[in-house]
Amino acid sequence: MAHILLLETATTNCSVGISRDGEPLFLREENTPDYSHSEQLHLFIKEALDGASLSFSDLDAVAVSKGPGSYTGLRIGVSAAKGICFSRDLPLISVPTLEGLARQLVPAPGELLIPVLDARRMEVYSAVYDHNYREIRETRAEIVDAGSFGEYQGAHKVHFVGSGAQKIQDTLVGDNFTFDASKVPSAAQMVPMAHTKLQASAFEDLAYFEPYYLKDFLVQAKKKP
């Protein structure tokens, strides 16, 4: 039996899961706006292992959501994953955050999924997937205006899902567009992606792997009084 520890910390949702042979075994998560990952993540890891009646020695790999997303959230998740892998001599698996978000929905044949994570102002992180979760347009950081995603207007539904959906809903024009801002990335949707990579031995280099930030981290200086 193959057990994978799954860590999703790219957004406000601190999510930890355990899978067995490609099936979900245990999930512990909490979505809070204040990004409490640094306090919760290691507690959730212990709860997940206890809930699945496993120990670190029972794991075959650790999978982490690689981004894009919150700079701090990604750093916390990747640091925890690397620490466990180094200490237990386990392989590291990374999965795309936006694909995991797309997998929150089950589209009909022909429909498209566009996961969108809120960035700054009118900017979002987005990618485009078909109904089989195959990526048909790469991940981008883009400023949304009325002409954005115009090439996807047509007869089939296009589902925008994620935290960026709410702020772009009034800007985009398309009768076939739907918007769902209630979904957040979760370790639950990482299960099939991580299992596929484990079977293919598609592992990351522990020494050199970094999260997919997509943009440089910006520190805003405080205004002088």
C-alpha atoms as a PDB file:
ATOM      1  CA  MET A   1       0.000   0.000   0.000  1.00  0.00           C
ATOM      2  CA  ALA A   2       1.256   3.454  -0.922  1.00  0.00           C
ATOM      3  CA  HIS A   3       0.622   6.293   1.512  1.00  0.00           C
ATOM      4  CA  ILE A   4       1.164   9.952   0.616  1.00  0.00           C
ATOM      5  CA  LEU A   5       1.070  12.932   2.951  1.00  0.00           C
ATOM      6  CA  LEU A   6      -0.540  15.880   1.117  1.00  0.00           C
ATOM      7  CA  LEU A   7       0.057  19.534   2.037  1.00  0.00           C
ATOM      8  CA  GLU A   8      -1.928  22.445   0.564  1.00  0.00           C
ATOM      9  CA  THR A   9      -0.992  25.896   1.914  1.00  0.00           C
ATOM     10  CA  ALA A  10      -1.042  28.108  -1.188  1.00  0.00           C
ATOM     11  CA  THR A  11      -4.080  30.129  -0.073  1.00  0.00           C
ATOM     12  CA  THR A  12      -6.035  30.826   3.111  1.00  0.00           C
ATOM     13  CA  ASN A  13      -6.910  27.141   3.441  1.00  0.00           C
ATOM     14  CA  CYS A  14      -4.479  25.177   5.588  1.00  0.00           C
ATOM     15  CA  SER A  15      -5.152  21.654   4.348  1.00  0.00           C
ATOM     16  CA  VAL A  16      -3.492  18.324   5.142  1.00  0.00           C
ATOM     17  CA  GLY A  17      -4.512  14.957   3.752  1.00  0.00           C
ATOM     18  CA  ILE A  18      -3.440  11.340   3.642  1.00  0.00           C
ATOM     19  CA  SER A  19      -4.049   9.113   0.629  1.00  0.00           C
ATOM     20  CA  ARG A  20      -3.725   5.357   0.239  1.00  0.00           C
ATOM     21  CA  ASP A  21      -3.236   3.845  -3.223  1.00  0.00           C
ATOM     22  CA  GLY A  22      -4.763   6.895  -4.891  1.00  0.00           C
ATOM     23  CA  GLU A  23      -7.791   7.121  -2.622  1.00  0.00           C
ATOM     24  CA  PRO A  24      -8.398   9.739   0.115  1.00  0.00           C
ATOM     25  CA  LEU A  25      -7.892   8.339   3.598  1.00  0.00           C
ATOM     26  CA  PHE A  26      -8.016  11.373   5.915  1.00  0.00           C
ATOM     27  CA  LEU A  27      -8.414  15.142   5.582  1.00  0.00           C
ATOM     28  CA  ARG A  28      -7.846  17.931   8.098  1.00  0.00           C
ATOM     29  CA  GLU A  29      -8.227  21.526   6.985  1.00  0.00           C
ATOM     30  CA  GLU A  30      -9.336  24.961   8.087  1.00  0.00           C
ATOM     31  CA  ASN A  31      -9.898  27.998   5.904  1.00  0.00           C
ATOM     32  CA  THR A  32      -9.202  31.209   7.817  1.00  0.00           C
ATOM     33  CA  PRO A  33      -8.536  34.660   6.330  1.00  0.00           C
ATOM     34  CA  ASP A  34      -5.550  35.382   8.584  1.00  0.00           C
ATOM     35  CA  TYR A  35      -3.203  32.722   7.116  1.00  0.00           C
ATOM     36  CA  SER A  36      -2.563  30.804  10.336  1.00  0.00           C
ATOM     37  CA  HIS A  37      -0.550  28.100   8.558  1.00  0.00           C
ATOM     38  CA  SER A  38       2.541  28.583  10.695  1.00  0.00           C
ATOM     39  CA  GLU A  39       0.523  27.695  13.814  1.00  0.00           C
ATOM     40  CA  GLN A  40      -1.729  25.030  12.310  1.00  0.00           C
ATOM     41  CA  LEU A  41       0.202  23.058   9.701  1.00  0.00           C
ATOM     42  CA  HIS A  42       2.305  20.792  11.931  1.00  0.00           C
ATOM     43  CA  LEU A  43      -0.643  20.209  14.269  1.00  0.00           C
ATOM     44  CA  PHE A  44      -2.773  19.195  11.282  1.00  0.00           C
ATOM     45  CA  ILE A  45      -0.044  16.846  10.057  1.00  0.00           C
ATOM     46  CA  LYS A  46      -0.046  15.067  13.415  1.00  0.00           C
ATOM     47  CA  GLU A  47      -3.857  14.939  13.449  1.00  0.00           C
ATOM     48  CA  ALA A  48      -3.913  13.524   9.924  1.00  0.00           C
ATOM     49  CA  LEU A  49      -1.402  10.787  10.721  1.00  0.00           C
ATOM     50  CA  ASP A  50      -3.218   9.931  13.952  1.00  0.00           C
ATOM     51  CA  GLY A  51      -6.586   9.965  12.178  1.00  0.00           C
ATOM     52  CA  ALA A  52      -5.280   7.574   9.531  1.00  0.00           C
ATOM     53  CA  SER A  53      -3.589   5.396  12.193  1.00  0.00           C
ATOM     54  CA  LEU A  54      -0.221   5.949  10.531  1.00  0.00           C
ATOM     55  CA  SER A  55       3.234   7.191  11.486  1.00  0.00           C
ATOM     56  CA  PHE A  56       5.889   8.939   9.414  1.00  0.00           C
ATOM     57  CA  SER A  57       7.531   5.550   8.823  1.00  0.00           C
ATOM     58  CA  ASP A  58       4.400   4.401   6.967  1.00  0.00           C
ATOM     59  CA  LEU A  59       4.648   7.168   4.354  1.00  0.00           C
ATOM     60  CA  ASP A  60       5.916   6.556   0.830  1.00  0.00           C
ATOM     61  CA  ALA A  61       6.093  10.213  -0.257  1.00  0.00           C
ATOM     62  CA  VAL A  62       5.121  13.765   0.632  1.00  0.00           C
ATOM     63  CA  ALA A  63       3.206  15.888  -1.875  1.00  0.00           C
ATOM     64  CA  VAL A  64       2.962  19.661  -1.723  1.00  0.00           C
ATOM     65  CA  SER A  65       0.961  22.219  -3.681  1.00  0.00           C
ATOM     66  CA  LYS A  66       3.626  24.193  -5.550  1.00  0.00           C
ATOM     67  CA  GLY A  67       1.755  27.392  -6.448  1.00  0.00           C
ATOM     68  CA  PRO A  68       1.100  29.986  -7.577  1.00  0.00           C
ATOM     69  CA  GLY A  69      -0.423  31.506  -4.472  1.00  0.00           C
ATOM     70  CA  SER A  70       0.522  33.243  -1.265  1.00  0.00           C
ATOM     71  CA  TYR A  71       4.297  33.689  -0.994  1.00  0.00           C
ATOM     72  CA  THR A  72       4.297  33.015   2.756  1.00  0.00           C
ATOM     73  CA  GLY A  73       1.828  30.143   2.524  1.00  0.00           C
ATOM     74  CA  LEU A  74       3.858  28.413  -0.173  1.00  0.00           C
ATOM     75  CA  ARG A  75       7.093  28.842   1.780  1.00  0.00           C
ATOM     76  CA  ILE A  76       5.558  27.278   4.877  1.00  0.00           C
ATOM     77  CA  GLY A  77       4.156  24.295   2.996  1.00  0.00           C
ATOM     78  CA  VAL A  78       7.295  23.591   0.980  1.00  0.00           C
ATOM     79  CA  SER A  79       9.562  24.012   4.013  1.00  0.00           C
ATOM     80  CA  ALA A  80       7.490  21.520   5.999  1.00  0.00           C
ATOM     81  CA  ALA A  81       7.419  19.048   3.108  1.00  0.00           C
ATOM     82  CA  LYS A  82      11.172  19.295   2.578  1.00  0.00           C
ATOM     83  CA  GLY A  83      11.872  18.889   6.283  1.00  0.00           C
ATOM     84  CA  ILE A  84       9.849  15.688   6.468  1.00  0.00           C
ATOM     85  CA  CYS A  85      11.393  14.311   3.271  1.00  0.00           C
ATOM     86  CA  PHE A  86      14.947  15.056   4.405  1.00  0.00           C
ATOM     87  CA  SER A  87      14.463  13.571   7.851  1.00  0.00           C
ATOM     88  CA  ARG A  88      12.642  10.448   6.642  1.00  0.00           C
ATOM     89  CA  ASP A  89      14.416   9.964   3.300  1.00  0.00           C
ATOM     90  CA  LEU A  90      11.134  10.295   1.401  1.00  0.00           C
ATOM     91  CA  PRO A  91      10.584  11.518  -2.168  1.00  0.00           C
ATOM     92  CA  LEU A  92       8.979  14.924  -2.708  1.00  0.00           C
ATOM     93  CA  ILE A  93       6.091  15.359  -5.141  1.00  0.00           C
ATOM     94  CA  SER A  94       4.788  18.736  -6.288  1.00  0.00           C
ATOM     95  CA  VAL A  95       1.406  19.394  -7.897  1.00  0.00           C
ATOM     96  CA  PRO A  96       0.028  22.571  -9.541  1.00  0.00           C
ATOM     97  CA  THR A  97      -2.207  24.589  -7.243  1.00  0.00           C
ATOM     98  CA  LEU A  98      -4.460  25.761 -10.069  1.00  0.00           C
ATOM     99  CA  GLU A  99      -5.102  22.248 -11.341  1.00  0.00           C
ATOM    100  CA  GLY A 100      -6.118  21.220  -7.840  1.00  0.00           C
ATOM    101  CA  LEU A 101      -8.500  24.165  -7.723  1.00  0.00           C
ATOM    102  CA  ALA A 102      -9.961  23.223 -11.114  1.00  0.00           C
ATOM    103  CA  ARG A 103     -10.630  19.721  -9.801  1.00  0.00           C
ATOM    104  CA  GLN A 104     -13.084  21.196  -7.286  1.00  0.00           C
ATOM    105  CA  LEU A 105     -15.628  21.119 -10.126  1.00  0.00           C
ATOM    106  CA  VAL A 106     -16.818  18.286 -12.373  1.00  0.00           C
ATOM    107  CA  PRO A 107     -17.581  19.796 -15.784  1.00  0.00           C
ATOM    108  CA  ALA A 108     -19.604  18.288 -18.611  1.00  0.00           C
ATOM    109  CA  PRO A 109     -17.828  17.255 -21.831  1.00  0.00           C
ATOM    110  CA  GLY A 110     -16.761  20.294 -23.822  1.00  0.00           C
ATOM    111  CA  GLU A 111     -16.892  22.665 -20.874  1.00  0.00           C
ATOM    112  CA  LEU A 112     -13.805  24.545 -19.703  1.00  0.00           C
ATOM    113  CA  LEU A 113     -12.413  25.257 -16.253  1.00  0.00           C
ATOM    114  CA  ILE A 114     -10.531  28.451 -15.465  1.00  0.00           C
ATOM    115  CA  PRO A 115      -9.203  28.480 -11.884  1.00  0.00           C
ATOM    116  CA  VAL A 116      -8.480  32.031 -10.760  1.00  0.00           C
ATOM    117  CA  LEU A 117      -6.666  33.059  -7.586  1.00  0.00           C
ATOM    118  CA  ASP A 118      -6.870  36.643  -6.377  1.00  0.00           C
ATOM    119  CA  ALA A 119      -3.627  38.571  -6.705  1.00  0.00           C
ATOM    120  CA  ARG A 120      -3.288  42.348  -6.381  1.00  0.00           C
ATOM    121  CA  ARG A 121      -5.872  44.849  -7.608  1.00  0.00           C
ATOM    122  CA  MET A 122      -7.489  43.449 -10.783  1.00  0.00           C
ATOM    123  CA  GLU A 123      -4.782  40.844 -11.256  1.00  0.00           C
ATOM    124  CA  VAL A 124      -5.341  37.096 -10.975  1.00  0.00           C
ATOM    125  CA  TYR A 125      -3.346  33.901 -11.350  1.00  0.00           C
ATOM    126  CA  SER A 126      -5.125  31.726 -13.882  1.00  0.00           C
ATOM    127  CA  ALA A 127      -4.839  28.740 -16.193  1.00  0.00           C
ATOM    128  CA  VAL A 128      -7.299  26.997 -18.502  1.00  0.00           C
ATOM    129  CA  TYR A 129      -8.240  23.296 -18.373  1.00  0.00           C
ATOM    130  CA  ASP A 130     -10.557  21.133 -20.440  1.00  0.00           C
ATOM    131  CA  HIS A 131     -13.190  18.850 -18.926  1.00  0.00           C
ATOM    132  CA  ASN A 132     -10.550  16.116 -18.422  1.00  0.00           C
ATOM    133  CA  TYR A 133      -8.361  18.546 -16.403  1.00  0.00           C
ATOM    134  CA  ARG A 134      -5.818  18.774 -19.208  1.00  0.00           C
ATOM    135  CA  GLU A 135      -4.105  22.153 -19.286  1.00  0.00           C
ATOM    136  CA  ILE A 136      -4.863  23.953 -22.558  1.00  0.00           C
ATOM    137  CA  ARG A 137      -3.434  27.317 -21.558  1.00  0.00           C
ATOM    138  CA  GLU A 138      -0.476  27.827 -19.259  1.00  0.00           C
ATOM    139  CA  THR A 139      -0.528  29.579 -15.899  1.00  0.00           C
ATOM    140  CA  ARG A 140      -0.329  33.361 -16.056  1.00  0.00           C
ATOM    141  CA  ALA A 141      -0.495  36.393 -13.812  1.00  0.00           C
ATOM    142  CA  GLU A 142      -2.764  38.793 -15.669  1.00  0.00           C
ATOM    143  CA  ILE A 143      -4.746  41.974 -15.222  1.00  0.00           C
ATOM    144  CA  VAL A 144      -8.385  41.328 -16.112  1.00  0.00           C
ATOM    145  CA  ASP A 145     -10.389  43.708 -18.301  1.00  0.00           C
ATOM    146  CA  ALA A 146     -13.556  43.382 -20.386  1.00  0.00           C
ATOM    147  CA  GLY A 147     -11.687  41.661 -23.198  1.00  0.00           C
ATOM    148  CA  SER A 148      -9.978  39.031 -21.066  1.00  0.00           C
ATOM    149  CA  PHE A 149     -10.774  35.394 -21.880  1.00  0.00           C
ATOM    150  CA  GLY A 150     -12.771  36.548 -24.891  1.00  0.00           C
ATOM    151  CA  GLU A 151     -11.485  33.627 -26.939  1.00  0.00           C
ATOM    152  CA  TYR A 152     -13.471  31.280 -24.691  1.00  0.00           C
ATOM    153  CA  GLN A 153     -16.873  32.840 -25.367  1.00  0.00           C
ATOM    154  CA  GLY A 154     -19.103  30.366 -27.156  1.00  0.00           C
ATOM    155  CA  ALA A 155     -21.671  27.626 -26.811  1.00  0.00           C
ATOM    156  CA  HIS A 156     -19.986  25.615 -24.041  1.00  0.00           C
ATOM    157  CA  LYS A 157     -19.912  26.764 -20.436  1.00  0.00           C
ATOM    158  CA  VAL A 158     -16.724  28.181 -18.990  1.00  0.00           C
ATOM    159  CA  HIS A 159     -16.425  27.868 -15.216  1.00  0.00           C
ATOM    160  CA  PHE A 160     -14.312  30.425 -13.350  1.00  0.00           C
ATOM    161  CA  VAL A 161     -13.530  28.989  -9.926  1.00  0.00           C
ATOM    162  CA  GLY A 162     -11.561  30.349  -6.984  1.00  0.00           C
ATOM    163  CA  SER A 163     -11.009  33.500  -4.980  1.00  0.00           C
ATOM    164  CA  GLY A 164     -10.457  35.630  -8.083  1.00  0.00           C
ATOM    165  CA  ALA A 165     -13.872  34.818  -9.526  1.00  0.00           C
ATOM    166  CA  GLN A 166     -15.766  37.349  -7.452  1.00  0.00           C
ATOM    167  CA  LYS A 167     -13.722  40.388  -8.404  1.00  0.00           C
ATOM    168  CA  ILE A 168     -13.721  39.624 -12.138  1.00  0.00           C
ATOM    169  CA  GLN A 169     -17.386  38.668 -12.414  1.00  0.00           C
ATOM    170  CA  ASP A 170     -18.614  42.200 -13.148  1.00  0.00           C
ATOM    171  CA  THR A 171     -15.781  42.856 -15.598  1.00  0.00           C
ATOM    172  CA  LEU A 172     -15.935  39.873 -17.933  1.00  0.00           C
ATOM    173  CA  VAL A 173     -18.417  39.636 -20.788  1.00  0.00           C
ATOM    174  CA  GLY A 174     -19.649  36.185 -21.763  1.00  0.00           C
ATOM    175  CA  ASP A 175     -23.098  34.596 -21.584  1.00  0.00           C
ATOM    176  CA  ASN A 176     -21.498  31.176 -21.178  1.00  0.00           C
ATOM    177  CA  PHE A 177     -19.344  32.246 -18.208  1.00  0.00           C
ATOM    178  CA  THR A 178     -20.135  31.010 -14.681  1.00  0.00           C
ATOM    179  CA  PHE A 179     -18.404  32.132 -11.486  1.00  0.00           C
ATOM    180  CA  ASP A 180     -17.805  30.303  -8.194  1.00  0.00           C
ATOM    181  CA  ALA A 181     -15.683  32.119  -5.633  1.00  0.00           C
ATOM    182  CA  SER A 182     -16.519  29.713  -2.801  1.00  0.00           C
ATOM    183  CA  LYS A 183     -13.915  27.062  -3.657  1.00  0.00           C
ATOM    184  CA  VAL A 184     -10.357  27.042  -2.305  1.00  0.00           C
ATOM    185  CA  PRO A 185      -7.481  24.662  -3.060  1.00  0.00           C
ATOM    186  CA  SER A 186      -7.595  21.582  -0.836  1.00  0.00           C
ATOM    187  CA  ALA A 187      -5.440  18.538  -0.203  1.00  0.00           C
ATOM    188  CA  ALA A 188      -8.447  16.426  -1.197  1.00  0.00           C
ATOM    189  CA  GLN A 189      -8.002  17.279  -4.878  1.00  0.00           C
ATOM    190  CA  MET A 190      -4.264  16.580  -4.720  1.00  0.00           C
ATOM    191  CA  VAL A 191      -4.860  12.831  -4.309  1.00  0.00           C
ATOM    192  CA  PRO A 192      -5.084  11.721  -7.976  1.00  0.00           C
ATOM    193  CA  MET A 193      -2.317  14.074  -9.135  1.00  0.00           C
ATOM    194  CA  ALA A 194       0.083  12.943  -6.416  1.00  0.00           C
ATOM    195  CA  HIS A 195      -0.696   9.262  -6.978  1.00  0.00           C
ATOM    196  CA  THR A 196      -0.004   9.552 -10.712  1.00  0.00           C
ATOM    197  CA  LYS A 197       3.361  11.171 -10.019  1.00  0.00           C
ATOM    198  CA  LEU A 198       4.253   8.550  -7.424  1.00  0.00           C
ATOM    199  CA  GLN A 199       3.571   5.764  -9.923  1.00  0.00           C
ATOM    200  CA  ALA A 200       5.745   7.542 -12.494  1.00  0.00           C
ATOM    201  CA  SER A 201       8.496   8.311  -9.939  1.00  0.00           C
ATOM    202  CA  ALA A 202       8.154  11.962 -10.955  1.00  0.00           C
ATOM    203  CA  PHE A 203       9.908  13.408  -7.920  1.00  0.00           C
ATOM    204  CA  GLU A 204      11.433  16.808  -7.209  1.00  0.00           C
ATOM    205  CA  ASP A 205      15.057  17.488  -6.354  1.00  0.00           C
ATOM    206  CA  LEU A 206      14.948  18.175  -2.619  1.00  0.00           C
ATOM    207  CA  ALA A 207      17.971  20.446  -2.704  1.00  0.00           C
ATOM    208  CA  TYR A 208      16.769  22.715  -5.491  1.00  0.00           C
ATOM    209  CA  PHE A 209      12.966  22.625  -5.544  1.00  0.00           C
ATOM    210  CA  GLU A 210      11.290  25.988  -4.961  1.00  0.00           C
ATOM    211  CA  PRO A 211       7.609  26.986  -5.005  1.00  0.00           C
ATOM    212  CA  TYR A 212       6.165  28.393  -8.223  1.00  0.00           C
ATOM    213  CA  TYR A 213       5.747  31.998  -7.124  1.00  0.00           C
ATOM    214  CA  LEU A 214       5.084  33.282 -10.685  1.00  0.00           C
ATOM    215  CA  LYS A 215       5.857  36.817  -9.500  1.00  0.00           C
ATOM    216  CA  ASP A 216       8.566  38.300  -7.313  1.00  0.00           C
ATOM    217  CA  PHE A 217       7.669  38.869  -3.690  1.00  0.00           C
ATOM    218  CA  LEU A 218       7.153  42.564  -3.058  1.00  0.00           C
ATOM    219  CA  VAL A 219       7.609  44.221   0.312  1.00  0.00           C
ATOM    220  CA  GLN A 220       5.749  47.483   0.703  1.00  0.00           C
ATOM    221  CA  ALA A 221       7.549  50.099   2.769  1.00  0.00           C
ATOM    222  CA  LYS A 222       5.556  51.794   5.467  1.00  0.00           C
ATOM    223  CA  LYS A 223       4.613  55.349   4.750  1.00  0.00           C
ATOM    224  CA  LYS A 224       6.418  57.948   6.791  1.00  0.00           C
ATOM    225  CA  PRO A 225       4.151  59.852   9.204  1.00  0.00           C
END
